[in-house]
Protein backbone atom coordinates (compact mmCIF):
# COMPACT_ATOMS: atom_id res chain seq x y z
CA UNK A 1 31.65 252.27 -133.15
CA UNK A 2 31.82 251.67 -129.36
CA UNK A 3 35.21 253.34 -129.26
CA UNK A 4 33.88 256.31 -131.16
CA UNK A 5 30.97 256.56 -128.77
CA UNK A 6 33.34 256.43 -125.80
CA UNK A 7 35.53 259.19 -127.21
CA UNK A 8 32.51 261.28 -127.95
CA UNK A 9 31.28 260.75 -124.41
CA UNK A 10 34.57 261.96 -123.01
CA UNK A 11 34.64 265.16 -125.05
CA UNK A 12 32.10 267.11 -122.99
CA UNK A 13 34.02 266.28 -119.82
CA UNK A 14 37.32 267.35 -121.39
CA UNK A 15 35.69 270.47 -122.75
CA UNK A 16 34.31 271.38 -119.33
CA UNK A 17 37.73 270.83 -117.75
CA UNK A 18 39.31 273.06 -120.39
CA UNK A 19 36.67 275.71 -119.86
CA UNK A 20 37.52 275.81 -116.15
CA UNK A 21 41.29 275.78 -116.55
CA UNK A 22 41.73 278.71 -118.88
CA UNK A 23 39.91 281.26 -116.67
CA UNK A 24 42.07 280.14 -113.73
CA UNK A 25 45.27 280.57 -115.74
CA UNK A 26 44.10 283.95 -117.03
CA UNK A 27 43.21 285.09 -113.50
CA UNK A 28 46.61 284.09 -112.10
CA UNK A 29 48.47 285.83 -114.93
CA UNK A 30 46.45 289.02 -114.53
CA UNK A 31 47.01 288.90 -110.80
CA UNK A 32 50.77 288.55 -111.31
CA UNK A 33 50.81 291.63 -113.51
CA UNK A 34 48.76 293.75 -111.11
CA UNK A 35 50.62 292.58 -108.00
CA UNK A 36 54.13 293.02 -109.39
CA UNK A 37 53.39 296.30 -111.15
CA UNK A 38 51.95 297.85 -108.01
CA UNK A 39 54.66 296.34 -105.81
CA UNK A 40 57.35 298.07 -107.88
CA UNK A 41 55.52 301.40 -107.63
CA UNK A 42 54.88 301.31 -103.87
CA UNK A 43 57.59 302.66 -101.58
CA UNK A 44 58.39 300.66 -98.43
CA UNK A 45 55.47 300.78 -96.05
CA UNK A 46 55.70 301.72 -92.39
CA UNK A 47 56.37 298.20 -91.09
CA UNK A 48 58.18 296.51 -93.95
CA UNK A 49 61.71 297.50 -92.99
CA UNK A 50 61.21 295.87 -89.59
CA UNK A 51 59.87 292.64 -91.07
CA UNK A 52 62.62 292.40 -93.69
CA UNK A 53 65.47 293.09 -91.28
CA UNK A 54 63.99 290.66 -88.74
CA UNK A 55 63.69 287.88 -91.32
CA UNK A 56 67.19 288.24 -92.73
CA UNK A 57 68.72 288.49 -89.26
CA UNK A 58 67.05 285.23 -88.28
CA UNK A 59 68.14 283.43 -91.46
CA UNK A 60 71.71 284.70 -91.18
CA UNK A 61 72.26 284.25 -87.43
CA UNK A 62 69.64 281.72 -86.33
CA UNK A 63 68.90 284.10 -83.43
CA UNK A 64 65.20 285.00 -83.05
CA UNK A 65 65.80 287.91 -80.65
CA UNK A 66 64.10 290.36 -83.06
CA UNK A 67 61.06 288.10 -83.47
CA UNK A 68 59.31 289.43 -80.39
CA UNK A 69 56.21 290.92 -82.01
CA UNK A 70 56.04 288.40 -84.84
CA UNK A 71 57.16 284.76 -85.07
CA UNK A 72 59.88 284.06 -87.64
CA UNK A 73 58.00 282.01 -90.28
CA UNK A 74 56.67 284.70 -92.64
CA UNK A 75 59.58 287.08 -92.07
CA UNK A 76 61.97 284.21 -92.84
CA UNK A 77 60.09 283.33 -96.03
CA UNK A 78 60.20 286.98 -97.14
CA UNK A 79 63.93 287.15 -96.53
CA UNK A 80 64.76 283.95 -98.44
CA UNK A 81 65.34 285.75 -101.78
CA UNK A 82 67.71 288.13 -100.01
CA UNK A 83 70.14 285.26 -99.51
CA UNK A 84 70.97 285.85 -103.18
CA UNK A 85 72.55 289.14 -102.02
CA UNK A 86 75.46 288.01 -99.82
CA UNK A 87 76.80 291.57 -99.81
CA UNK A 88 73.96 292.76 -97.56
CA UNK A 89 75.19 293.89 -94.14
CA UNK A 90 73.29 293.45 -90.89
CA UNK A 91 73.87 295.95 -88.04
CA UNK A 92 74.74 293.20 -85.57
CA UNK A 93 77.71 295.35 -84.56
CA UNK A 94 75.36 298.13 -83.40
CA UNK A 95 74.01 298.42 -79.82
CA UNK A 96 70.44 298.09 -81.13
CA UNK A 97 71.08 294.38 -81.73
CA UNK A 98 71.50 293.87 -77.99
CA UNK A 99 68.43 295.83 -76.83
CA UNK A 100 65.02 294.21 -76.41
CA UNK A 101 63.30 297.17 -78.07
CA UNK A 102 66.10 297.90 -80.52
CA UNK A 103 64.38 296.37 -83.54
CA UNK A 104 63.22 299.72 -84.98
CA UNK A 105 66.70 301.29 -85.00
CA UNK A 106 68.26 298.03 -86.18
CA UNK A 107 65.88 297.83 -89.14
CA UNK A 108 66.35 301.49 -90.04
CA UNK A 109 70.10 301.09 -90.09
CA UNK A 110 69.84 297.93 -92.18
CA UNK A 111 67.67 299.34 -94.93
CA UNK A 112 68.75 302.98 -95.18
CA UNK A 113 72.35 303.20 -93.94
CA UNK A 114 74.16 299.87 -94.04
CA UNK A 115 72.87 299.01 -97.54
CA UNK A 116 72.03 301.07 -100.59
CA UNK A 117 69.81 299.07 -102.96
CA UNK A 118 66.49 299.59 -101.22
CA UNK A 119 64.32 298.97 -104.29
CA UNK A 120 65.85 295.56 -104.96
CA UNK A 121 65.78 294.51 -101.30
CA UNK A 122 62.12 295.42 -100.88
CA UNK A 123 61.02 293.90 -104.19
CA UNK A 124 62.74 290.58 -103.49
CA UNK A 125 61.26 290.46 -99.99
CA UNK A 126 57.76 291.08 -101.36
CA UNK A 127 57.91 288.27 -103.94
CA UNK A 128 57.28 285.35 -101.51
CA UNK A 129 54.15 287.09 -100.21
CA UNK A 130 52.77 287.24 -103.76
CA UNK A 131 53.11 283.45 -103.95
CA UNK A 132 51.48 283.07 -100.53
CA UNK A 133 48.40 284.85 -101.88
CA UNK A 134 48.35 282.46 -104.83
CA UNK A 135 48.53 279.64 -102.30
CA UNK A 136 45.56 281.12 -100.44
CA UNK A 137 43.60 281.36 -103.70
CA UNK A 138 44.38 277.73 -104.58
CA UNK A 139 43.33 276.58 -101.10
CA UNK A 140 40.09 278.52 -101.50
CA UNK A 141 39.61 276.94 -104.93
CA UNK A 142 39.98 273.47 -103.43
CA UNK A 143 37.63 274.09 -100.52
CA UNK A 144 34.96 275.81 -102.58
CA UNK A 145 35.05 273.09 -105.26
CA UNK A 146 34.64 270.44 -102.57
CA UNK A 147 31.81 272.27 -100.80
CA UNK A 148 29.77 273.55 -103.69
CA UNK A 149 30.94 271.85 -106.91
CA UNK A 150 30.13 273.51 -110.24
CA UNK A 151 32.03 276.70 -110.96
CA UNK A 152 32.56 277.51 -107.28
CA UNK A 153 36.29 276.74 -107.40
CA UNK A 154 37.25 279.21 -110.17
CA UNK A 155 34.97 281.86 -108.65
CA UNK A 156 36.62 281.46 -105.23
CA UNK A 157 40.09 281.69 -106.75
CA UNK A 158 39.17 284.88 -108.62
CA UNK A 159 37.65 286.53 -105.55
CA UNK A 160 40.64 285.65 -103.38
CA UNK A 161 43.14 286.99 -105.92
CA UNK A 162 41.38 290.28 -106.65
CA UNK A 163 39.59 291.30 -103.46
CA UNK A 164 41.33 294.68 -102.91
CA UNK A 165 42.31 294.16 -99.27
CA UNK A 166 43.84 290.75 -99.90
CA UNK A 167 45.58 292.06 -103.02
CA UNK A 168 46.88 295.06 -101.09
CA UNK A 169 48.58 292.97 -98.42
CA UNK A 170 49.43 290.15 -100.82
CA UNK A 171 52.40 292.13 -102.12
CA UNK A 172 53.92 293.57 -98.94
CA UNK A 173 56.71 292.00 -96.89
CA UNK A 174 54.57 291.84 -93.75
CA UNK A 175 52.86 289.03 -91.84
CA UNK A 176 49.21 289.87 -92.48
CA UNK A 177 48.72 287.77 -95.61
CA UNK A 178 50.83 284.91 -94.29
CA UNK A 179 48.79 284.75 -91.09
CA UNK A 180 45.61 284.76 -93.17
CA UNK A 181 46.83 281.89 -95.35
CA UNK A 182 47.95 279.55 -92.59
CA UNK A 183 44.93 280.09 -90.31
CA UNK A 184 42.72 279.40 -93.33
CA UNK A 185 44.64 276.23 -94.15
CA UNK A 186 44.42 275.06 -90.54
CA UNK A 187 40.66 275.63 -90.50
CA UNK A 188 40.31 273.75 -93.79
CA UNK A 189 42.27 270.74 -92.54
CA UNK A 190 40.33 270.68 -89.27
CA UNK A 191 37.08 270.75 -91.23
CA UNK A 192 38.25 267.76 -93.30
CA UNK A 193 39.31 265.94 -90.14
CA UNK A 194 35.93 266.50 -88.52
CA UNK A 195 33.99 265.08 -91.44
CA UNK A 196 34.77 261.58 -90.11
CA UNK A 197 32.97 261.31 -86.75
CA UNK A 198 34.22 258.75 -84.30
CA UNK A 199 37.33 258.00 -86.33
CA UNK A 200 40.81 259.35 -85.83
CA UNK A 201 42.20 259.81 -89.31
CA UNK A 202 45.88 260.15 -88.50
CA UNK A 203 46.87 261.51 -91.89
CA UNK A 204 44.26 264.27 -91.76
CA UNK A 205 45.10 264.98 -88.12
CA UNK A 206 48.80 265.32 -88.96
CA UNK A 207 48.03 267.85 -91.71
CA UNK A 208 45.79 269.78 -89.35
CA UNK A 209 48.43 269.80 -86.58
CA UNK A 210 51.10 271.00 -89.01
CA UNK A 211 48.85 273.76 -90.35
CA UNK A 212 47.97 274.90 -86.82
CA UNK A 213 51.66 275.05 -85.98
CA UNK A 214 52.44 277.07 -89.10
CA UNK A 215 49.55 279.40 -88.26
CA UNK A 216 50.91 280.00 -84.74
CA UNK A 217 54.36 280.52 -86.25
CA UNK A 218 53.15 283.07 -88.79
CA UNK A 219 51.58 285.81 -86.67
CA UNK A 220 50.91 286.24 -82.96
CA UNK A 221 47.28 287.17 -83.52
CA UNK A 222 46.77 283.71 -85.04
CA UNK A 223 46.69 282.42 -81.47
CA UNK A 224 43.17 283.85 -81.33
CA UNK A 225 42.11 281.12 -83.70
CA UNK A 226 42.50 278.63 -80.87
CA UNK A 227 39.26 280.11 -79.53
CA UNK A 228 37.70 280.00 -83.00
CA UNK A 229 38.60 276.36 -83.55
CA UNK A 230 37.41 275.46 -80.07
CA UNK A 231 34.08 277.12 -80.78
CA UNK A 232 33.74 275.33 -84.11
CA UNK A 233 34.59 272.00 -82.46
CA UNK A 234 31.69 272.12 -80.01
CA UNK A 235 29.04 273.26 -82.49
CA UNK A 236 26.85 270.62 -84.21
CA UNK A 237 28.06 271.36 -87.73
CA UNK A 238 29.22 267.87 -88.67
CA UNK A 239 27.67 264.54 -89.69
CA UNK A 240 27.30 263.23 -86.13
CA UNK A 241 23.55 263.16 -85.55
CA UNK A 242 21.70 264.88 -82.71
CA UNK A 243 22.12 262.05 -80.21
CA UNK A 244 25.85 261.89 -80.75
CA UNK A 245 26.42 265.64 -80.75
CA UNK A 246 27.99 265.76 -77.27
CA UNK A 247 30.15 262.73 -77.96
CA UNK A 248 31.25 264.17 -81.27
CA UNK A 249 32.13 267.50 -79.67
CA UNK A 250 34.31 265.75 -77.11
CA UNK A 251 36.03 263.78 -79.85
CA UNK A 252 36.74 266.92 -81.86
CA UNK A 253 38.04 268.80 -78.83
CA UNK A 254 40.41 265.92 -78.10
CA UNK A 255 41.70 266.02 -81.67
CA UNK A 256 42.11 269.79 -81.45
CA UNK A 257 43.96 269.61 -78.12
CA UNK A 258 46.34 266.98 -79.50
CA UNK A 259 46.87 269.10 -82.61
CA UNK A 260 47.61 272.11 -80.41
CA UNK A 261 50.28 270.20 -78.52
CA UNK A 262 51.91 269.06 -81.75
CA UNK A 263 51.59 272.60 -83.12
CA UNK A 264 53.71 273.98 -80.28
CA UNK A 265 56.46 271.56 -81.32
CA UNK A 266 56.20 272.97 -84.85
CA UNK A 267 56.49 276.52 -83.48
CA UNK A 268 59.49 275.51 -81.39
CA UNK A 269 61.13 274.10 -84.50
CA UNK A 270 60.47 277.39 -86.32
CA UNK A 271 62.36 279.17 -83.53
CA UNK A 272 65.30 276.86 -84.11
CA UNK A 273 64.54 274.94 -80.87
CA UNK A 274 65.54 278.02 -78.88
CA UNK A 275 66.03 277.42 -75.13
CA UNK A 276 66.77 280.14 -72.65
CA UNK A 277 65.68 282.30 -69.74
CA UNK A 278 62.22 283.82 -69.90
CA UNK A 279 61.99 287.60 -70.31
CA UNK A 280 58.54 288.69 -69.20
CA UNK A 281 57.93 292.32 -68.20
CA UNK A 282 54.53 292.08 -66.48
CA UNK A 283 54.78 292.05 -62.67
CA UNK A 284 52.58 288.97 -62.58
CA UNK A 285 54.97 287.02 -64.82
CA UNK A 286 58.43 288.35 -63.94
CA UNK A 287 58.89 285.70 -61.19
CA UNK A 288 59.07 283.16 -64.01
CA UNK A 289 62.19 284.87 -65.39
CA UNK A 290 64.42 282.91 -63.04
CA UNK A 291 63.56 279.82 -65.07
CA UNK A 292 64.61 278.74 -68.54
CA UNK A 293 62.46 277.00 -71.10
CA UNK A 294 61.70 276.47 -74.78
CA UNK A 295 61.31 279.46 -77.16
CA UNK A 296 61.34 282.24 -74.54
CA UNK A 297 61.11 284.82 -77.34
CA UNK A 298 57.75 283.39 -78.40
CA UNK A 299 56.26 283.54 -74.91
CA UNK A 300 57.54 287.10 -74.40
CA UNK A 301 55.88 287.98 -77.72
CA UNK A 302 52.58 286.47 -76.57
CA UNK A 303 52.75 288.66 -73.47
CA UNK A 304 53.53 291.77 -75.50
CA UNK A 305 50.64 291.23 -77.92
CA UNK A 306 48.28 290.72 -74.98
CA UNK A 307 49.44 294.02 -73.49
CA UNK A 308 49.04 295.85 -76.80
CA UNK A 309 45.58 294.42 -77.37
CA UNK A 310 44.51 295.60 -73.96
CA UNK A 311 45.72 299.17 -74.22
CA UNK A 312 46.54 299.84 -77.81
CA UNK A 313 49.76 301.26 -79.19
CA UNK A 314 48.38 304.31 -80.92
CA UNK A 315 45.24 306.39 -80.88
CA UNK A 316 42.32 304.82 -82.68
CA UNK A 317 40.67 306.94 -85.34
CA UNK A 318 37.17 306.44 -86.65
CA UNK A 319 35.00 308.92 -88.55
CA UNK A 320 36.85 311.95 -87.21
CA UNK A 321 36.92 310.76 -83.59
CA UNK A 322 39.82 309.48 -81.47
CA UNK A 323 40.10 306.96 -78.66
CA UNK A 324 42.88 305.53 -76.52
CA UNK A 325 40.91 302.37 -75.84
CA UNK A 326 39.60 301.58 -79.31
CA UNK A 327 36.13 301.53 -80.86
CA UNK A 328 33.82 298.53 -80.76
CA UNK A 329 32.50 299.66 -84.15
CA UNK A 330 35.97 300.04 -85.69
CA UNK A 331 36.18 296.74 -87.54
CA UNK A 332 32.47 296.58 -88.51
CA UNK A 333 32.81 300.03 -90.10
CA UNK A 334 36.09 299.04 -91.76
CA UNK A 335 34.49 295.91 -93.18
CA UNK A 336 31.51 297.88 -94.47
CA UNK A 337 33.54 300.59 -96.21
CA UNK A 338 36.59 298.67 -97.44
CA UNK A 339 34.82 295.67 -98.98
CA UNK A 340 33.55 296.04 -102.57
CA UNK A 341 29.76 296.38 -102.63
CA UNK A 342 29.45 293.47 -105.05
CA UNK A 343 31.26 291.21 -102.56
CA UNK A 344 29.05 292.38 -99.69
CA UNK A 345 25.95 291.62 -101.77
CA UNK A 346 27.25 288.21 -102.86
CA UNK A 347 28.08 287.19 -99.29
CA UNK A 348 24.63 288.25 -98.08
CA UNK A 349 22.87 286.41 -100.93
CA UNK A 350 24.92 283.24 -100.44
CA UNK A 351 24.31 283.29 -96.69
CA UNK A 352 20.54 283.52 -97.20
CA UNK A 353 20.46 280.82 -99.86
CA UNK A 354 22.66 278.27 -98.14
CA UNK A 355 21.63 278.74 -94.52
CA UNK A 356 17.94 278.37 -95.30
CA UNK A 357 18.53 275.04 -97.09
CA UNK A 358 19.09 272.16 -94.64
CA UNK A 359 21.29 270.37 -97.19
CA UNK A 360 23.83 273.23 -97.28
CA UNK A 361 23.20 274.81 -93.88
CA UNK A 362 26.05 273.18 -91.96
CA UNK A 363 28.65 273.98 -94.58
CA UNK A 364 27.51 277.58 -94.84
CA UNK A 365 27.37 278.04 -91.07
CA UNK A 366 30.86 276.60 -90.65
CA UNK A 367 32.28 279.25 -93.00
CA UNK A 368 30.19 282.06 -91.54
CA UNK A 369 31.03 281.17 -87.96
CA UNK A 370 34.75 280.70 -88.65
CA UNK A 371 34.88 284.26 -89.96
CA UNK A 372 32.45 285.70 -87.42
CA UNK A 373 34.17 284.23 -84.37
CA UNK A 374 37.55 285.66 -85.36
CA UNK A 375 35.94 288.96 -86.31
CA UNK A 376 34.34 289.11 -82.88
CA UNK A 377 37.73 288.61 -81.25
CA UNK A 378 39.23 291.51 -83.20
CA UNK A 379 36.43 293.75 -81.94
CA UNK A 380 37.44 293.13 -78.33
CA UNK A 381 40.95 294.57 -78.81
CA UNK A 382 42.07 298.19 -78.60
CA UNK A 383 44.64 297.98 -81.39
CA UNK A 384 42.59 299.76 -84.05
CA UNK A 385 45.24 300.65 -86.61
CA UNK A 386 44.08 298.77 -89.67
CA UNK A 387 41.46 296.51 -91.19
CA UNK A 388 44.38 294.18 -91.96
CA UNK A 389 44.06 292.79 -88.42
CA UNK A 390 40.66 291.36 -89.40
CA UNK A 391 41.92 290.07 -92.75
CA UNK A 392 41.83 286.35 -91.74
CA UNK A 393 38.02 286.60 -91.73
CA UNK A 394 37.77 287.46 -95.42
CA UNK A 395 38.61 284.12 -97.14
CA UNK A 396 35.73 282.31 -95.42
CA UNK A 397 33.22 284.85 -96.69
CA UNK A 398 34.63 284.67 -100.20
CA UNK A 399 34.45 280.86 -100.28
CA UNK A 400 30.84 281.16 -99.13
CA UNK A 401 30.07 283.70 -101.86
CA UNK A 402 31.75 281.44 -104.42
CA UNK A 403 29.10 278.85 -103.64
CA UNK A 404 26.77 280.79 -105.92
CA UNK A 405 28.74 279.23 -108.78
CA UNK A 406 27.63 275.76 -107.72
CA UNK A 407 24.07 276.45 -106.56
CA UNK A 408 21.84 273.37 -106.73
CA UNK A 409 18.29 272.96 -107.95
CA UNK A 410 16.61 274.52 -104.96
CA UNK A 411 18.78 277.63 -105.09
CA UNK A 412 18.32 277.82 -108.84
CA UNK A 413 14.58 278.01 -108.41
CA UNK A 414 14.82 280.86 -105.89
CA UNK A 415 17.23 282.80 -108.06
CA UNK A 416 15.02 282.06 -111.04
CA UNK A 417 12.23 284.05 -109.44
CA UNK A 418 14.60 286.97 -109.49
CA UNK A 419 15.61 286.23 -113.08
CA UNK A 420 19.17 285.65 -111.84
CA UNK A 421 20.69 282.31 -112.91
CA UNK A 422 23.16 281.39 -110.15
CA UNK A 423 26.21 280.73 -112.30
CA UNK A 424 25.71 284.02 -114.09
CA UNK A 425 25.42 285.74 -110.72
CA UNK A 426 28.68 284.11 -109.61
CA UNK A 427 30.41 285.02 -112.87
CA UNK A 428 29.20 288.61 -112.57
CA UNK A 429 30.47 288.83 -108.99
CA UNK A 430 33.89 287.51 -110.02
CA UNK A 431 34.16 289.83 -113.04
CA UNK A 432 33.02 292.89 -111.09
CA UNK A 433 35.59 292.13 -108.39
CA UNK A 434 38.28 292.01 -111.07
CA UNK A 435 36.92 295.29 -112.45
CA UNK A 436 37.24 296.89 -109.00
CA UNK A 437 40.87 295.72 -108.79
CA UNK A 438 41.60 297.16 -112.24
CA UNK A 439 39.88 300.43 -111.37
CA UNK A 440 41.78 301.02 -108.11
CA UNK A 441 45.14 299.78 -109.48
CA UNK A 442 47.77 300.37 -108.14
CA UNK A 443 46.26 301.92 -104.98
CA UNK A 444 44.84 298.77 -103.40
CA UNK A 445 45.69 299.74 -99.85
CA UNK A 446 43.59 302.89 -100.12
CA UNK A 447 40.45 301.23 -101.51
CA UNK A 448 37.13 302.40 -100.11
CA UNK A 449 33.73 301.64 -101.56
CA UNK A 450 31.01 304.24 -102.30
CA UNK A 451 29.59 303.94 -98.77
CA UNK A 452 32.66 305.88 -97.59
CA UNK A 453 32.61 308.20 -100.58
CA UNK A 454 35.29 306.25 -102.45
CA UNK A 455 39.06 306.25 -101.92
CA UNK A 456 39.34 310.04 -102.19
CA UNK A 457 37.27 310.40 -99.01
CA UNK A 458 38.68 307.38 -97.19
CA UNK A 459 41.04 309.37 -94.98
CA UNK A 460 38.02 311.02 -93.33
CA UNK A 461 36.73 307.59 -92.25
CA UNK A 462 39.87 305.59 -91.40
CA UNK A 463 43.60 306.30 -91.40
CA UNK A 464 46.89 304.45 -90.86
CA UNK A 465 47.25 301.20 -92.82
CA UNK A 466 43.69 301.52 -94.13
CA UNK A 467 44.74 304.26 -96.52
CA UNK A 468 48.16 305.68 -95.68
CA UNK A 469 51.05 303.39 -94.77
CA UNK A 470 53.88 305.24 -96.47
CA UNK A 471 53.31 303.59 -99.86
CA UNK A 472 53.22 306.68 -102.06
CA UNK A 473 56.62 308.31 -101.49
CA UNK A 474 57.93 307.16 -104.88
CA UNK A 475 54.82 308.58 -106.50
CA UNK A 476 55.43 311.89 -104.74
CA UNK A 477 58.81 312.08 -106.45
CA UNK A 478 57.12 311.39 -109.78
CA UNK A 479 54.45 314.00 -109.12
CA UNK A 480 57.08 316.61 -108.30
CA UNK A 481 58.94 315.84 -111.51
CA UNK A 482 55.77 315.97 -113.61
CA UNK A 483 54.54 319.26 -112.11
CA UNK A 484 57.89 321.03 -111.89
CA UNK A 485 57.75 321.33 -108.09
CA UNK A 486 61.35 321.31 -106.89
CA UNK A 487 60.74 321.33 -103.13
CA UNK A 488 57.90 320.48 -100.77
CA UNK A 489 57.14 320.94 -97.11
CA UNK A 490 56.55 317.30 -96.11
CA UNK A 491 54.46 316.00 -93.21
CA UNK A 492 55.51 312.38 -93.67
CA UNK A 493 53.95 309.23 -92.24
CA UNK A 494 56.29 306.33 -92.81
CA UNK A 495 59.71 304.88 -92.14
CA UNK A 496 61.03 305.38 -95.69
CA UNK A 497 63.70 308.06 -96.03
CA UNK A 498 62.63 310.84 -98.45
CA UNK A 499 66.27 311.87 -98.80
CA UNK A 500 67.12 308.46 -100.24
CA UNK A 501 64.77 309.20 -103.14
CA UNK A 502 66.31 312.65 -103.67
CA UNK A 503 63.09 314.39 -102.65
CA UNK A 504 63.98 317.95 -101.65
CA UNK A 505 61.85 318.70 -98.62
CA UNK A 506 61.49 320.58 -95.39
CA UNK A 507 60.32 318.22 -92.64
CA UNK A 508 56.99 318.94 -90.97
CA UNK A 509 55.39 317.03 -88.08
CA UNK A 510 54.82 313.38 -88.97
CA UNK A 511 55.23 309.83 -87.71
CA UNK A 512 57.85 307.20 -88.35
CA UNK A 513 61.19 308.94 -88.71
CA UNK A 514 62.63 310.98 -85.87
CA UNK A 515 63.26 314.00 -88.10
CA UNK A 516 59.49 314.34 -88.51
CA UNK A 517 58.22 313.04 -85.17
CA UNK A 518 60.04 315.50 -82.92
CA UNK A 519 58.50 318.44 -84.80
CA UNK A 520 55.09 317.86 -83.23
CA UNK A 521 56.43 319.81 -80.26
CA UNK A 522 58.50 322.27 -82.30
CA UNK A 523 56.24 323.12 -85.24
CA UNK A 524 58.27 324.88 -87.98
CA UNK A 525 55.35 326.96 -89.36
CA UNK A 526 52.46 329.05 -88.12
CA UNK A 527 49.50 326.63 -87.80
CA UNK A 528 47.02 329.51 -87.85
CA UNK A 529 48.29 330.89 -91.16
CA UNK A 530 50.85 328.70 -92.98
CA UNK A 531 53.27 330.62 -95.13
CA UNK A 532 53.15 330.16 -98.93
CA UNK A 533 54.55 326.98 -100.38
CA UNK A 534 53.65 323.46 -101.49
CA UNK A 535 52.68 321.27 -98.54
CA UNK A 536 52.63 317.49 -98.96
CA UNK A 537 50.92 315.99 -95.89
CA UNK A 538 50.28 312.29 -95.34
CA UNK A 539 46.65 311.53 -94.52
CA UNK A 540 47.57 310.01 -91.15
CA UNK A 541 49.78 312.96 -90.22
CA UNK A 542 46.92 315.29 -91.12
CA UNK A 543 44.93 313.93 -88.16
CA UNK A 544 47.83 314.43 -85.71
CA UNK A 545 47.54 311.01 -84.07
CA UNK A 546 50.41 311.50 -81.54
CA UNK A 547 48.68 314.50 -79.95
CA UNK A 548 45.83 314.61 -77.50
CA UNK A 549 42.46 315.64 -78.97
CA UNK A 550 42.65 319.09 -77.34
CA UNK A 551 46.14 319.59 -78.84
CA UNK A 552 45.26 318.81 -82.45
CA UNK A 553 45.83 322.25 -83.93
CA UNK A 554 48.98 321.71 -86.03
CA UNK A 555 47.15 320.81 -89.25
CA UNK A 556 43.68 322.16 -88.40
CA UNK A 557 44.01 324.83 -91.09
CA UNK A 558 44.60 322.16 -93.72
CA UNK A 559 41.86 319.81 -92.49
CA UNK A 560 39.33 322.59 -93.04
CA UNK A 561 40.27 322.80 -96.74
CA UNK A 562 40.18 320.56 -99.77
CA UNK A 563 43.61 319.52 -101.07
CA UNK A 564 44.86 321.01 -104.31
CA UNK A 565 45.97 317.58 -105.53
CA UNK A 566 46.61 314.05 -104.32
CA UNK A 567 49.49 311.66 -104.71
CA UNK A 568 47.78 308.32 -104.75
CA UNK A 569 45.20 308.62 -102.02
CA UNK A 570 47.59 308.90 -99.09
CA UNK A 571 49.51 312.16 -99.63
CA UNK A 572 47.46 315.35 -99.82
CA UNK A 573 48.91 318.36 -101.64
CA UNK A 574 48.10 321.91 -100.53
CA UNK A 575 49.40 324.78 -102.67
CA UNK A 576 49.37 327.70 -100.24
CA UNK A 577 49.72 331.07 -101.92
């Protein structure tokens, strides 16, 4: 009888474990299907050829010379599956390999001229990023389960897998998702380290130092998290007590500084312990070029990112307006229009519930401030070309929202007044987020919520990688086949080669490939009255971003009209008769 009682007592626990495992498995499997299906259908985006060529060049040669804008970690991970294709040729025999700014031409030659299996190359390079997003979801599961208990872990995993912006960049061979993952991991490990005041837990510190190093080695913008972590270190968000707050802050800053030093060793290792002459271009730093030191490519990249953040690389576009210096409101607007409404509501509700309760306040504030501090940093820069640059903020908000799945008695009572049981709220948020992902599939990059008028109106709010990054060229070929259109006049935005896909076209002004770019100053049609034909114009090209505001007359005729059709949400079709 005692044994029977014991077995019976274990059954509810086993049942609960089973009930939590199967939704996780189902979510991961559904994510795999959506990610891989959309990855196959998306043509190479504007930046992918550069990332792929850079990663394979580093793996093959050990030379990080192309890793100026981005450290080699994520690019190298993306290129790992390409080692199964030994026949791939790198243009190391071309002059672009020797030039500091030759990476664009080098990458173009690699993908479109030196090799001929673009679909396979791009698909294989995208696969590791898919697994990085799963890693991010699992990390979020772990953190949420630790913070909130209950069903918070599965809810966090679901939100992280199916939030449209994370899903969009979780299947491209770029650095945005990788940078998001490793900065999140570093913040998580630092949080764990700081839960033990006055004690130096060497194991936890080592994990934190490694994660910080991997974050710095994943994306240059991750360096901004040094400010975020420093801010979190000095805030009284840990079990130190009021009297020991200053002492605890000093202790945490010391741990962070030591982790930063160790992290630079990790970054140096990622660069293959490169040693050489510095190559700065700023007048203030060029005197240092007579010296040699560790990872000169990394330090030159830091300088370049600082210069780009100060002046931008392209015109910023927001709600029909342009700026050379960026918009302070750019990222707040992007966050408001590109985040599903259900996620916005869940984050707001969780913030109110958990901040007002002293028992959960510190945990909630840590997550909110981690995201808010980085978000604030993005707002100070002039490089307004995509919400993806604020992507590292998103996981913290989703882990906070997932806390609704583990709301305690006090929160239950408040939600009860609204007739909203917390776990049902959390389940509804997770399911509605999945529903949004299913609805927008496979056009995740172009997702906009109803505040912006949905994805069909997104190009009037934001452009570039928010909606149009060159991902729909394959779908244009399919649309032409389905509709019987044999030839289009194409205003392309992207680095993919339409000729490779056998798309018969006449080039119009666009960005990315030289055949399109040079036509801004030699327009091959009458802008005041375009001649009859089928015009396929990328949303970003439509706004004429290379031209000054007073010069934007090339596509003005088209901007004043509704398109006849759309390919995805990034290529607008105008049937001029």
